[in-house]
């Protein structure tokens, strides 16, 4: 999977283009301090693991997606985007406490899945209503969407995601337009 295909997949999965992606091709401003704490990274690892759990293949925690998010938010997001991202973290905790009476990290896997699914539905509904109303903030995804984008991007660009989940060939061979494919096989990871 090349970078363009990955970015299209993230846009399709979250309903908006990857925020901060323009910094991938430019020099990042790089914040002096981390925008996220170690506790935030632990929470982000668990949210990402809920989205991309370990099965017979590695999950998001195996790819250390939380640490990736810390670096990406610090180096590629503007101060306003960082604030929205931190708001997304607070929203995960608030929704978890309101729905289940405990913080996200204290929940079991099915309840974590309920929280993530509810926040995803809420984010998509908000984006759809803004698109219909043509609100000025359209195109500015809320915090949970930013978390979901970075979880997907971080996982599928990691060594674990690219070599153990996707099929990977370090040096491509000749073009074969009639390559055998069995339904259910993983996609190709290419650079």
Foldseek 3Di string as FASTA:
>chain_A
DDPVVLQVVLCVVQVAGQALVVCVVPFFPADPDFLDDPVLLVLLQVLLCLVFPDDVAHGLVVLSLSVVVRRSCRGRPDPVLSVQQVVLSVQLQVLLCVVPVGGLVPDDSVSVNVSLVVVSVVQVVVQVVCVVVVDPCRNPGGNSSNSSSSSSVSQCVGPRNQPGVAPEDPDDDDDDPPDDDDPPHHHHRDD
